Amino acid sequence: MSTVDGTFTDNDCSNGDWELEATLSEGDNTITVTANDPYSNSAIDFITIALDTTAPTVTLTAPPNISLLNQYTYTVTGTCSEEGRDVSVPNYHRRSDVCI
């Protein structure tokens, strides 16, 4: 027998394996599992799973749309909603940057 986040579950672990379908909420979810044997011995383990269903946003800030430039190189700048995420420009092979 075991408990998951304080809820008793009747998962048979006699063959060494068990499973339980957990319902996650947006953000961090900590799942704690406790296993008990008939002799009052127990073991506890946990895992934290982050659920993120919101896509990041990205906005180009320069140059303006449909810019006419007289140079071969120019700086493209923008903003994004999630710091530390990769930002890439498809079909432009110079490099990818990280959102700061």
PDB file of N, CA and C in Angstrom:
ATOM      1  N   MET A   1       0.846  -1.174   0.000  1.00  0.00           N
ATOM      2  CA  MET A   1       0.000   0.000   0.000  1.00  0.00           C
ATOM      3  C   MET A   1       0.887   1.230   0.000  1.00  0.00           C
ATOM      4  N   SER A   2       0.372   2.325  -0.512  1.00  0.00           N
ATOM      5  CA  SER A   2       1.156   3.550  -0.583  1.00  0.00           C
ATOM      6  C   SER A   2       0.235   4.758  -0.520  1.00  0.00           C
ATOM      7  N   THR A   3       0.829   5.922  -0.293  1.00  0.00           N
ATOM      8  CA  THR A   3       0.086   7.174  -0.363  1.00  0.00           C
ATOM      9  C   THR A   3       0.799   8.090  -1.334  1.00  0.00           C
ATOM     10  N   VAL A   4       0.021   8.851  -2.074  1.00  0.00           N
ATOM     11  CA  VAL A   4       0.555   9.855  -2.984  1.00  0.00           C
ATOM     12  C   VAL A   4      -0.067  11.176  -2.582  1.00  0.00           C
ATOM     13  N   ASP A   5       0.774  12.126  -2.149  1.00  0.00           N
ATOM     14  CA  ASP A   5       0.319  13.429  -1.655  1.00  0.00           C
ATOM     15  C   ASP A   5      -0.802  13.282  -0.630  1.00  0.00           C
ATOM     16  N   GLY A   6      -0.639  12.346   0.292  1.00  0.00           N
ATOM     17  CA  GLY A   6      -1.582  12.162   1.383  1.00  0.00           C
ATOM     18  C   GLY A   6      -2.816  11.349   1.039  1.00  0.00           C
ATOM     19  N   THR A   7      -2.974  10.918  -0.206  1.00  0.00           N
ATOM     20  CA  THR A   7      -4.132  10.135  -0.617  1.00  0.00           C
ATOM     21  C   THR A   7      -3.744   8.672  -0.712  1.00  0.00           C
ATOM     22  N   PHE A   8      -4.477   7.829  -0.010  1.00  0.00           N
ATOM     23  CA  PHE A   8      -4.193   6.399  -0.033  1.00  0.00           C
ATOM     24  C   PHE A   8      -4.440   5.840  -1.430  1.00  0.00           C
ATOM     25  N   THR A   9      -3.519   5.019  -1.882  1.00  0.00           N
ATOM     26  CA  THR A   9      -3.683   4.340  -3.160  1.00  0.00           C
ATOM     27  C   THR A   9      -3.433   2.862  -2.946  1.00  0.00           C
ATOM     28  N   ASP A  10      -4.182   2.061  -3.603  1.00  0.00           N
ATOM     29  CA  ASP A  10      -4.046   0.620  -3.471  1.00  0.00           C
ATOM     30  C   ASP A  10      -3.289   0.086  -4.674  1.00  0.00           C
ATOM     31  N   ASN A  11      -2.026   0.467  -4.752  1.00  0.00           N
ATOM     32  CA  ASN A  11      -1.184   0.023  -5.859  1.00  0.00           C
ATOM     33  C   ASN A  11      -0.407  -1.194  -5.412  1.00  0.00           C
ATOM     34  N   ASP A  12      -0.566  -2.259  -6.126  1.00  0.00           N
ATOM     35  CA  ASP A  12       0.144  -3.487  -5.821  1.00  0.00           C
ATOM     36  C   ASP A  12       1.574  -3.372  -6.320  1.00  0.00           C
ATOM     37  N   CYS A  13       2.513  -3.444  -5.397  1.00  0.00           N
ATOM     38  CA  CYS A  13       3.928  -3.323  -5.752  1.00  0.00           C
ATOM     39  C   CYS A  13       4.635  -4.667  -5.555  1.00  0.00           C
ATOM     40  N   SER A  14       3.874  -5.753  -5.595  1.00  0.00           N
ATOM     41  CA  SER A  14       4.458  -7.067  -5.316  1.00  0.00           C
ATOM     42  C   SER A  14       5.480  -7.491  -6.366  1.00  0.00           C
ATOM     43  N   ASN A  15       5.354  -6.976  -7.582  1.00  0.00           N
ATOM     44  CA  ASN A  15       6.342  -7.335  -8.605  1.00  0.00           C
ATOM     45  C   ASN A  15       7.429  -6.262  -8.755  1.00  0.00           C
ATOM     46  N   GLY A  16       7.412  -5.245  -7.895  1.00  0.00           N
ATOM     47  CA  GLY A  16       8.428  -4.202  -7.911  1.00  0.00           C
ATOM     48  C   GLY A  16       8.049  -2.961  -8.678  1.00  0.00           C
ATOM     49  N   ASP A  17       6.947  -2.985  -9.413  1.00  0.00           N
ATOM     50  CA  ASP A  17       6.529  -1.837 -10.206  1.00  0.00           C
ATOM     51  C   ASP A  17       5.140  -1.378  -9.784  1.00  0.00           C
ATOM     52  N   TRP A  18       4.867  -0.098  -9.957  1.00  0.00           N
ATOM     53  CA  TRP A  18       3.529   0.445  -9.731  1.00  0.00           C
ATOM     54  C   TRP A  18       3.382   1.674 -10.616  1.00  0.00           C
ATOM     55  N   GLU A  19       2.170   2.124 -10.797  1.00  0.00           N
ATOM     56  CA  GLU A  19       1.930   3.346 -11.557  1.00  0.00           C
ATOM     57  C   GLU A  19       0.677   4.014 -11.050  1.00  0.00           C
ATOM     58  N   LEU A  20       0.615   5.321 -11.254  1.00  0.00           N
ATOM     59  CA  LEU A  20      -0.535   6.118 -10.859  1.00  0.00           C
ATOM     60  C   LEU A  20      -0.613   7.311 -11.787  1.00  0.00           C
ATOM     61  N   GLU A  21      -1.784   7.605 -12.304  1.00  0.00           N
ATOM     62  CA  GLU A  21      -1.950   8.779 -13.152  1.00  0.00           C
ATOM     63  C   GLU A  21      -2.181   9.989 -12.261  1.00  0.00           C
ATOM     64  N   ALA A  22      -1.288  10.969 -12.366  1.00  0.00           N
ATOM     65  CA  ALA A  22      -1.384  12.173 -11.544  1.00  0.00           C
ATOM     66  C   ALA A  22      -1.915  13.324 -12.399  1.00  0.00           C
ATOM     67  N   THR A  23      -2.786  14.128 -11.829  1.00  0.00           N
ATOM     68  CA  THR A  23      -3.304  15.312 -12.494  1.00  0.00           C
ATOM     69  C   THR A  23      -2.477  16.507 -12.048  1.00  0.00           C
ATOM     70  N   LEU A  24      -1.887  17.223 -13.005  1.00  0.00           N
ATOM     71  CA  LEU A  24      -1.020  18.352 -12.702  1.00  0.00           C
ATOM     72  C   LEU A  24      -1.759  19.667 -12.820  1.00  0.00           C
ATOM     73  N   SER A  25      -1.290  20.660 -12.070  1.00  0.00           N
ATOM     74  CA  SER A  25      -1.771  22.033 -12.158  1.00  0.00           C
ATOM     75  C   SER A  25      -0.685  22.876 -12.812  1.00  0.00           C
ATOM     76  N   GLU A  26      -1.062  24.009 -13.364  1.00  0.00           N
ATOM     77  CA  GLU A  26      -0.086  24.915 -13.965  1.00  0.00           C
ATOM     78  C   GLU A  26       0.946  25.316 -12.918  1.00  0.00           C
ATOM     79  N   GLY A  27       2.213  25.297 -13.295  1.00  0.00           N
ATOM     80  CA  GLY A  27       3.300  25.644 -12.367  1.00  0.00           C
ATOM     81  C   GLY A  27       3.966  24.398 -11.814  1.00  0.00           C
ATOM     82  N   ASP A  28       4.646  24.571 -10.680  1.00  0.00           N
ATOM     83  CA  ASP A  28       5.358  23.458 -10.056  1.00  0.00           C
ATOM     84  C   ASP A  28       4.398  22.528  -9.322  1.00  0.00           C
ATOM     85  N   ASN A  29       4.584  21.239  -9.504  1.00  0.00           N
ATOM     86  CA  ASN A  29       3.801  20.205  -8.834  1.00  0.00           C
ATOM     87  C   ASN A  29       4.775  19.247  -8.160  1.00  0.00           C
ATOM     88  N   THR A  30       4.677  19.106  -6.848  1.00  0.00           N
ATOM     89  CA  THR A  30       5.519  18.165  -6.127  1.00  0.00           C
ATOM     90  C   THR A  30       4.681  16.945  -5.790  1.00  0.00           C
ATOM     91  N   ILE A  31       5.138  15.795  -6.251  1.00  0.00           N
ATOM     92  CA  ILE A  31       4.449  14.536  -5.993  1.00  0.00           C
ATOM     93  C   ILE A  31       5.291  13.758  -4.994  1.00  0.00           C
ATOM     94  N   THR A  32       4.694  13.469  -3.853  1.00  0.00           N
ATOM     95  CA  THR A  32       5.363  12.722  -2.793  1.00  0.00           C
ATOM     96  C   THR A  32       4.737  11.348  -2.693  1.00  0.00           C
ATOM     97  N   VAL A  33       5.574  10.318  -2.682  1.00  0.00           N
ATOM     98  CA  VAL A  33       5.095   8.934  -2.621  1.00  0.00           C
ATOM     99  C   VAL A  33       5.651   8.291  -1.359  1.00  0.00           C
ATOM    100  N   THR A  34       4.774   7.644  -0.606  1.00  0.00           N
ATOM    101  CA  THR A  34       5.176   6.906   0.593  1.00  0.00           C
ATOM    102  C   THR A  34       4.751   5.462   0.435  1.00  0.00           C
ATOM    103  N   ALA A  35       5.677   4.549   0.631  1.00  0.00           N
ATOM    104  CA  ALA A  35       5.367   3.114   0.588  1.00  0.00           C
ATOM    105  C   ALA A  35       5.487   2.557   2.006  1.00  0.00           C
ATOM    106  N   ASN A  36       4.541   1.699   2.382  1.00  0.00           N
ATOM    107  CA  ASN A  36       4.517   1.093   3.719  1.00  0.00           C
ATOM    108  C   ASN A  36       4.445  -0.420   3.590  1.00  0.00           C
ATOM    109  N   ASP A  37       5.110  -1.098   4.511  1.00  0.00           N
ATOM    110  CA  ASP A  37       4.986  -2.552   4.537  1.00  0.00           C
ATOM    111  C   ASP A  37       4.219  -2.974   5.782  1.00  0.00           C
ATOM    112  N   PRO A  38       3.878  -4.239   5.902  1.00  0.00           N
ATOM    113  CA  PRO A  38       3.077  -4.704   7.045  1.00  0.00           C
ATOM    114  C   PRO A  38       3.791  -4.566   8.390  1.00  0.00           C
ATOM    115  N   TYR A  39       5.070  -4.271   8.404  1.00  0.00           N
ATOM    116  CA  TYR A  39       5.836  -4.188   9.649  1.00  0.00           C
ATOM    117  C   TYR A  39       6.090  -2.749  10.075  1.00  0.00           C
ATOM    118  N   SER A  40       5.304  -1.813   9.545  1.00  0.00           N
ATOM    119  CA  SER A  40       5.381  -0.383   9.862  1.00  0.00           C
ATOM    120  C   SER A  40       6.660   0.288   9.371  1.00  0.00           C
ATOM    121  N   ASN A  41       7.336  -0.327   8.423  1.00  0.00           N
ATOM    122  CA  ASN A  41       8.463   0.324   7.774  1.00  0.00           C
ATOM    123  C   ASN A  41       7.932   1.149   6.610  1.00  0.00           C
ATOM    124  N   SER A  42       8.569   2.265   6.351  1.00  0.00           N
ATOM    125  CA  SER A  42       8.100   3.095   5.247  1.00  0.00           C
ATOM    126  C   SER A  42       9.292   3.726   4.522  1.00  0.00           C
ATOM    127  N   ALA A  43       9.025   4.130   3.297  1.00  0.00           N
ATOM    128  CA  ALA A  43      10.004   4.844   2.480  1.00  0.00           C
ATOM    129  C   ALA A  43       9.275   5.976   1.771  1.00  0.00           C
ATOM    130  N   ILE A  44       9.966   7.098   1.610  1.00  0.00           N
ATOM    131  CA  ILE A  44       9.375   8.277   0.979  1.00  0.00           C
ATOM    132  C   ILE A  44      10.295   8.748  -0.141  1.00  0.00           C
ATOM    133  N   ASP A  45       9.688   9.150  -1.247  1.00  0.00           N
ATOM    134  CA  ASP A  45      10.423   9.772  -2.341  1.00  0.00           C
ATOM    135  C   ASP A  45       9.519  10.843  -2.945  1.00  0.00           C
ATOM    136  N   PHE A  46      10.122  11.809  -3.614  1.00  0.00           N
ATOM    137  CA  PHE A  46       9.314  12.857  -4.251  1.00  0.00           C
ATOM    138  C   PHE A  46       9.987  13.324  -5.521  1.00  0.00           C
ATOM    139  N   ILE A  47       9.175  13.954  -6.360  1.00  0.00           N
ATOM    140  CA  ILE A  47       9.645  14.552  -7.605  1.00  0.00           C
ATOM    141  C   ILE A  47       8.830  15.821  -7.841  1.00  0.00           C
ATOM    142  N   THR A  48       9.480  16.832  -8.412  1.00  0.00           N
ATOM    143  CA  THR A  48       8.784  18.064  -8.782  1.00  0.00           C
ATOM    144  C   THR A  48       8.702  18.129 -10.303  1.00  0.00           C
ATOM    145  N   ILE A  49       7.490  18.337 -10.801  1.00  0.00           N
ATOM    146  CA  ILE A  49       7.238  18.426 -12.233  1.00  0.00           C
ATOM    147  C   ILE A  49       6.600  19.785 -12.506  1.00  0.00           C
ATOM    148  N   ALA A  50       7.154  20.527 -13.458  1.00  0.00           N
ATOM    149  CA  ALA A  50       6.595  21.830 -13.820  1.00  0.00           C
ATOM    150  C   ALA A  50       5.725  21.679 -15.062  1.00  0.00           C
ATOM    151  N   LEU A  51       4.498  22.173 -14.967  1.00  0.00           N
ATOM    152  CA  LEU A  51       3.590  22.195 -16.118  1.00  0.00           C
ATOM    153  C   LEU A  51       3.512  23.627 -16.625  1.00  0.00           C
ATOM    154  N   ASP A  52       3.918  23.841 -17.870  1.00  0.00           N
ATOM    155  CA  ASP A  52       3.904  25.165 -18.494  1.00  0.00           C
ATOM    156  C   ASP A  52       3.180  25.038 -19.826  1.00  0.00           C
ATOM    157  N   THR A  53       1.928  25.463 -19.877  1.00  0.00           N
ATOM    158  CA  THR A  53       1.135  25.365 -21.098  1.00  0.00           C
ATOM    159  C   THR A  53       0.997  26.701 -21.813  1.00  0.00           C
ATOM    160  N   THR A  54       1.689  27.734 -21.309  1.00  0.00           N
ATOM    161  CA  THR A  54       1.622  29.061 -21.907  1.00  0.00           C
ATOM    162  C   THR A  54       2.833  29.265 -22.810  1.00  0.00           C
ATOM    163  N   ALA A  55       2.593  29.514 -24.075  1.00  0.00           N
ATOM    164  CA  ALA A  55       3.680  29.747 -25.019  1.00  0.00           C
ATOM    165  C   ALA A  55       4.323  31.097 -24.747  1.00  0.00           C
ATOM    166  N   PRO A  56       5.644  31.192 -24.932  1.00  0.00           N
ATOM    167  CA  PRO A  56       6.292  32.490 -24.770  1.00  0.00           C
ATOM    168  C   PRO A  56       5.900  33.422 -25.917  1.00  0.00           C
ATOM    169  N   THR A  57       6.056  34.710 -25.680  1.00  0.00           N
ATOM    170  CA  THR A  57       5.812  35.688 -26.734  1.00  0.00           C
ATOM    171  C   THR A  57       7.147  36.281 -27.184  1.00  0.00           C
ATOM    172  N   VAL A  58       7.227  36.695 -28.422  1.00  0.00           N
ATOM    173  CA  VAL A  58       8.410  37.347 -28.961  1.00  0.00           C
ATOM    174  C   VAL A  58       7.955  38.514 -29.836  1.00  0.00           C
ATOM    175  N   THR A  59       8.661  39.640 -29.710  1.00  0.00           N
ATOM    176  CA  THR A  59       8.320  40.839 -30.457  1.00  0.00           C
ATOM    177  C   THR A  59       9.592  41.423 -31.056  1.00  0.00           C
ATOM    178  N   LEU A  60       9.584  41.708 -32.340  1.00  0.00           N
ATOM    179  CA  LEU A  60      10.700  42.410 -32.980  1.00  0.00           C
ATOM    180  C   LEU A  60      10.549  43.900 -32.727  1.00  0.00           C
ATOM    181  N   THR A  61      11.639  44.538 -32.256  1.00  0.00           N
ATOM    182  CA  THR A  61      11.569  45.973 -31.964  1.00  0.00           C
ATOM    183  C   THR A  61      12.365  46.813 -32.956  1.00  0.00           C
ATOM    184  N   ALA A  62      13.312  46.210 -33.675  1.00  0.00           N
ATOM    185  CA  ALA A  62      14.083  46.960 -34.673  1.00  0.00           C
ATOM    186  C   ALA A  62      14.688  45.968 -35.654  1.00  0.00           C
ATOM    187  N   PRO A  63      14.862  46.301 -36.879  1.00  0.00           N
ATOM    188  CA  PRO A  63      14.397  47.543 -37.506  1.00  0.00           C
ATOM    189  C   PRO A  63      12.882  47.495 -37.708  1.00  0.00           C
ATOM    190  N   PRO A  64      12.274  48.620 -38.038  1.00  0.00           N
ATOM    191  CA  PRO A  64      10.827  48.632 -38.279  1.00  0.00           C
ATOM    192  C   PRO A  64      10.452  47.701 -39.435  1.00  0.00           C
ATOM    193  N   ASN A  65       9.241  47.239 -39.438  1.00  0.00           N
ATOM    194  CA  ASN A  65       8.750  46.368 -40.499  1.00  0.00           C
ATOM    195  C   ASN A  65       8.882  47.068 -41.853  1.00  0.00           C
ATOM    196  N   ILE A  66       9.252  46.320 -42.871  1.00  0.00           N
ATOM    197  CA  ILE A  66       9.444  46.810 -44.243  1.00  0.00           C
ATOM    198  C   ILE A  66      10.468  47.954 -44.272  1.00  0.00           C
ATOM    199  N   SER A  67      11.602  47.735 -43.595  1.00  0.00           N
ATOM    200  CA  SER A  67      12.662  48.740 -43.579  1.00  0.00           C
ATOM    201  C   SER A  67      13.447  48.697 -44.877  1.00  0.00           C
ATOM    202  N   LEU A  68      13.847  49.841 -45.348  1.00  0.00           N
ATOM    203  CA  LEU A  68      14.725  49.961 -46.512  1.00  0.00           C
ATOM    204  C   LEU A  68      16.083  50.390 -45.978  1.00  0.00           C
ATOM    205  N   LEU A  69      17.050  49.505 -46.102  1.00  0.00           N
ATOM    206  CA  LEU A  69      18.367  49.776 -45.541  1.00  0.00           C
ATOM    207  C   LEU A  69      19.396  49.859 -46.652  1.00  0.00           C
ATOM    208  N   ASN A  70      20.451  50.625 -46.415  1.00  0.00           N
ATOM    209  CA  ASN A  70      21.509  50.750 -47.410  1.00  0.00           C
ATOM    210  C   ASN A  70      22.805  50.090 -46.926  1.00  0.00           C
ATOM    211  N   GLN A  71      22.684  49.055 -46.134  1.00  0.00           N
ATOM    212  CA  GLN A  71      23.855  48.351 -45.623  1.00  0.00           C
ATOM    213  C   GLN A  71      23.599  46.851 -45.644  1.00  0.00           C
ATOM    214  N   TYR A  72      24.690  46.073 -45.673  1.00  0.00           N
ATOM    215  CA  TYR A  72      24.560  44.625 -45.741  1.00  0.00           C
ATOM    216  C   TYR A  72      24.311  43.986 -44.384  1.00  0.00           C
ATOM    217  N   THR A  73      24.694  44.650 -43.341  1.00  0.00           N
ATOM    218  CA  THR A  73      24.457  44.102 -41.999  1.00  0.00           C
ATOM    219  C   THR A  73      23.634  45.097 -41.193  1.00  0.00           C
ATOM    220  N   TYR A  74      22.864  44.587 -40.303  1.00  0.00           N
ATOM    221  CA  TYR A  74      22.075  45.422 -39.413  1.00  0.00           C
ATOM    222  C   TYR A  74      21.732  44.595 -38.170  1.00  0.00           C
ATOM    223  N   THR A  75      21.365  45.273 -37.131  1.00  0.00           N
ATOM    224  CA  THR A  75      21.040  44.622 -35.874  1.00  0.00           C
ATOM    225  C   THR A  75      19.535  44.464 -35.759  1.00  0.00           C
ATOM    226  N   VAL A  76      19.135  43.237 -35.483  1.00  0.00           N
ATOM    227  CA  VAL A  76      17.722  42.942 -35.239  1.00  0.00           C
ATOM    228  C   VAL A  76      17.579  42.776 -33.738  1.00  0.00           C
ATOM    229  N   THR A  77      16.647  43.498 -33.135  1.00  0.00           N
ATOM    230  CA  THR A  77      16.428  43.399 -31.695  1.00  0.00           C
ATOM    231  C   THR A  77      14.970  43.078 -31.410  1.00  0.00           C
ATOM    232  N   GLY A  78      14.733  42.620 -30.203  1.00  0.00           N
ATOM    233  CA  GLY A  78      13.367  42.280 -29.820  1.00  0.00           C
ATOM    234  C   GLY A  78      13.263  41.980 -28.344  1.00  0.00           C
ATOM    235  N   THR A  79      12.082  41.580 -27.951  1.00  0.00           N
ATOM    236  CA  THR A  79      11.820  41.204 -26.569  1.00  0.00           C
ATOM    237  C   THR A  79      11.127  39.847 -26.555  1.00  0.00           C
ATOM    238  N   CYS A  80      11.236  39.163 -25.430  1.00  0.00           N
ATOM    239  CA  CYS A  80      10.516  37.906 -25.259  1.00  0.00           C
ATOM    240  C   CYS A  80      10.048  37.791 -23.813  1.00  0.00           C
ATOM    241  N   SER A  81       9.043  36.964 -23.586  1.00  0.00           N
ATOM    242  CA  SER A  81       8.390  36.923 -22.283  1.00  0.00           C
ATOM    243  C   SER A  81       9.020  35.972 -21.283  1.00  0.00           C
ATOM    244  N   GLU A  82       9.935  35.103 -21.714  1.00  0.00           N
ATOM    245  CA  GLU A  82      10.523  34.139 -20.789  1.00  0.00           C
ATOM    246  C   GLU A  82      12.043  34.240 -20.842  1.00  0.00           C
ATOM    247  N   GLU A  83      12.639  34.809 -19.792  1.00  0.00           N
ATOM    248  CA  GLU A  83      14.091  34.963 -19.748  1.00  0.00           C
ATOM    249  C   GLU A  83      14.786  33.606 -19.802  1.00  0.00           C
ATOM    250  N   GLY A  84      15.926  33.573 -20.477  1.00  0.00           N
ATOM    251  CA  GLY A  84      16.727  32.361 -20.545  1.00  0.00           C
ATOM    252  C   GLY A  84      16.323  31.400 -21.646  1.00  0.00           C
ATOM    253  N   ARG A  85      15.269  31.670 -22.367  1.00  0.00           N
ATOM    254  CA  ARG A  85      14.832  30.798 -23.459  1.00  0.00           C
ATOM    255  C   ARG A  85      15.591  31.137 -24.731  1.00  0.00           C
ATOM    256  N   ASP A  86      15.783  30.164 -25.591  1.00  0.00           N
ATOM    257  CA  ASP A  86      16.467  30.387 -26.860  1.00  0.00           C
ATOM    258  C   ASP A  86      15.564  31.141 -27.828  1.00  0.00           C
ATOM    259  N   VAL A  87      16.175  32.053 -28.555  1.00  0.00           N
ATOM    260  CA  VAL A  87      15.498  32.787 -29.613  1.00  0.00           C
ATOM    261  C   VAL A  87      16.273  32.499 -30.889  1.00  0.00           C
ATOM    262  N   SER A  88      15.585  32.050 -31.916  1.00  0.00           N
ATOM    263  CA  SER A  88      16.279  31.754 -33.171  1.00  0.00           C
ATOM    264  C   SER A  88      15.583  32.469 -34.317  1.00  0.00           C
ATOM    265  N   VAL A  89      16.349  32.689 -35.378  1.00  0.00           N
ATOM    266  CA  VAL A  89      15.828  33.321 -36.585  1.00  0.00           C
ATOM    267  C   VAL A  89      15.988  32.306 -37.710  1.00  0.00           C
ATOM    268  N   PRO A  90      14.904  31.600 -38.078  1.00  0.00           N
ATOM    269  CA  PRO A  90      14.997  30.588 -39.136  1.00  0.00           C
ATOM    270  C   PRO A  90      15.501  31.196 -40.452  1.00  0.00           C
ATOM    271  N   ASN A  91      16.234  30.414 -41.199  1.00  0.00           N
ATOM    272  CA  ASN A  91      16.783  30.812 -42.498  1.00  0.00           C
ATOM    273  C   ASN A  91      17.828  31.909 -42.395  1.00  0.00           C
ATOM    274  N   TYR A  92      18.270  32.218 -41.191  1.00  0.00           N
ATOM    275  CA  TYR A  92      19.374  33.144 -40.990  1.00  0.00           C
ATOM    276  C   TYR A  92      20.427  32.369 -40.236  1.00  0.00           C
ATOM    277  N   HIS A  93      21.550  32.101 -40.862  1.00  0.00           N
ATOM    278  CA  HIS A  93      22.490  31.108 -40.352  1.00  0.00           C
ATOM    279  C   HIS A  93      23.632  31.661 -39.515  1.00  0.00           C
ATOM    280  N   ARG A  94      23.571  32.891 -39.094  1.00  0.00           N
ATOM    281  CA  ARG A  94      24.685  33.441 -38.323  1.00  0.00           C
ATOM    282  C   ARG A  94      24.731  32.866 -36.920  1.00  0.00           C
ATOM    283  N   ARG A  95      23.649  32.951 -36.126  1.00  0.00           N
ATOM    284  CA  ARG A  95      23.641  32.425 -34.773  1.00  0.00           C
ATOM    285  C   ARG A  95      22.253  32.518 -34.174  1.00  0.00           C
ATOM    286  N   SER A  96      22.105  31.865 -33.033  1.00  0.00           N
ATOM    287  CA  SER A  96      20.913  32.009 -32.204  1.00  0.00           C
ATOM    288  C   SER A  96      21.310  32.725 -30.938  1.00  0.00           C
ATOM    289  N   ASP A  97      20.412  33.433 -30.353  1.00  0.00           N
ATOM    290  CA  ASP A  97      20.679  34.144 -29.117  1.00  0.00           C
ATOM    291  C   ASP A  97      19.782  33.641 -28.011  1.00  0.00           C
ATOM    292  N   VAL A  98      20.054  34.099 -26.815  1.00  0.00           N
ATOM    293  CA  VAL A  98      19.257  33.743 -25.643  1.00  0.00           C
ATOM    294  C   VAL A  98      18.533  34.984 -25.189  1.00  0.00           C
ATOM    295  N   CYS A  99      17.291  34.852 -24.825  1.00  0.00           N
ATOM    296  CA  CYS A  99      16.493  35.972 -24.333  1.00  0.00           C
ATOM    297  C   CYS A  99      17.061  36.452 -23.001  1.00  0.00           C
ATOM    298  N   ILE A 100      17.332  37.731 -22.876  1.00  0.00           N
ATOM    299  CA  ILE A 100      17.878  38.270 -21.622  1.00  0.00           C
ATOM    300  C   ILE A 100      16.948  39.289 -21.016  1.00  0.00           C
TER     301      ILE A 100
END
